[in-house]
Protein backbone atom coordinates (compact mmCIF):
# COMPACT_ATOMS: atom_id res chain seq x y z
CA UNK A 1 0.00 0.00 0.00
CA UNK A 2 1.52 3.38 -0.97
CA UNK A 3 2.34 5.72 1.89
CA UNK A 4 0.53 9.05 2.06
CA UNK A 5 2.79 12.07 1.65
CA UNK A 6 3.43 14.07 4.79
CA UNK A 7 1.29 17.12 5.35
CA UNK A 8 4.41 19.25 4.97
CA UNK A 9 5.02 17.68 1.56
CA UNK A 10 1.41 18.37 0.54
CA UNK A 11 1.82 22.03 1.54
CA UNK A 12 5.04 22.29 -0.49
CA UNK A 13 3.36 20.60 -3.47
CA UNK A 14 0.57 23.19 -3.33
CA UNK A 15 3.06 26.03 -3.19
CA UNK A 16 4.96 24.59 -6.14
CA UNK A 17 1.74 24.07 -8.11
CA UNK A 18 0.78 27.74 -7.66
CA UNK A 19 4.28 28.82 -8.70
CA UNK A 20 3.90 26.67 -11.84
CA UNK A 21 0.60 28.37 -12.68
CA UNK A 22 -1.67 25.45 -11.86
CA UNK A 23 -5.20 26.16 -10.61
CA UNK A 24 -6.52 25.56 -7.11
CA UNK A 25 -9.05 23.13 -8.61
CA UNK A 26 -6.14 20.93 -9.75
CA UNK A 27 -5.58 19.75 -6.18
CA UNK A 28 -4.79 16.02 -6.62
CA UNK A 29 -6.06 14.95 -3.19
CA UNK A 30 -9.60 13.87 -2.33
CA UNK A 31 -11.85 16.49 -0.76
CA UNK A 32 -12.13 16.57 3.02
CA UNK A 33 -8.73 14.99 3.62
CA UNK A 34 -5.83 16.56 5.49
CA UNK A 35 -3.73 16.22 2.34
CA UNK A 36 -6.28 18.20 0.29
CA UNK A 37 -6.45 20.89 2.97
CA UNK A 38 -2.66 21.26 3.22
CA UNK A 39 -2.14 21.28 -0.57
CA UNK A 40 -4.75 24.06 -0.83
CA UNK A 41 -3.16 25.93 2.08
CA UNK A 42 0.20 25.79 0.30
CA UNK A 43 -1.36 26.99 -2.94
CA UNK A 44 -3.12 29.86 -1.16
CA UNK A 45 -0.04 30.85 0.83
CA UNK A 46 1.49 32.30 -2.33
CA UNK A 47 -1.62 34.26 -3.26
CA UNK A 48 -2.03 37.92 -2.37
CA UNK A 49 -5.55 39.29 -2.56
CA UNK A 50 -5.93 42.66 -4.21
CA UNK A 51 -8.75 45.00 -3.27
CA UNK A 52 -10.70 43.85 -6.33
CA UNK A 53 -10.33 40.10 -5.67
CA UNK A 54 -13.35 38.22 -4.38
CA UNK A 55 -12.30 35.36 -2.06
CA UNK A 56 -15.79 33.82 -2.36
CA UNK A 57 -15.13 33.22 -6.06
CA UNK A 58 -12.30 30.86 -5.09
CA UNK A 59 -14.43 28.56 -2.94
CA UNK A 60 -15.46 25.11 -4.10
CA UNK A 61 -19.09 25.41 -5.09
CA UNK A 62 -21.71 23.11 -3.59
CA UNK A 63 -22.31 20.21 -5.92
CA UNK A 64 -18.70 20.14 -7.10
CA UNK A 65 -17.05 16.75 -7.31
CA UNK A 66 -13.61 15.64 -6.26
CA UNK A 67 -11.13 13.89 -8.57
CA UNK A 68 -12.95 10.57 -7.99
CA UNK A 69 -16.31 12.04 -9.04
CA UNK A 70 -17.74 12.06 -5.53
CA UNK A 71 -20.13 14.87 -4.70
CA UNK A 72 -19.00 17.59 -2.31
CA UNK A 73 -22.40 18.45 -0.89
CA UNK A 74 -21.37 19.62 2.58
CA UNK A 75 -23.29 16.71 4.10
CA UNK A 76 -20.40 15.50 6.22
CA UNK A 77 -17.57 13.10 5.46
CA UNK A 78 -17.58 11.11 2.27
CA UNK A 79 -17.55 7.42 3.06
CA UNK A 80 -15.57 5.11 0.81
């Protein structure tokens, strides 16, 4: 069974992805996992909001799916 990357590695991967111009939606980790959260935190850590930026526009919209096609409906944890 493959080992999960450390949360520090996920954060660094997110930072690197942002530096490479990848989008926040390209997070490779399943929603609602610590790895997804840390990758996104790394990506966002390199982002400076301007006065005109709308942080709400960056949120995952209800009904969005993760990379496995599972619905992110804010109904609690996704069971496997």
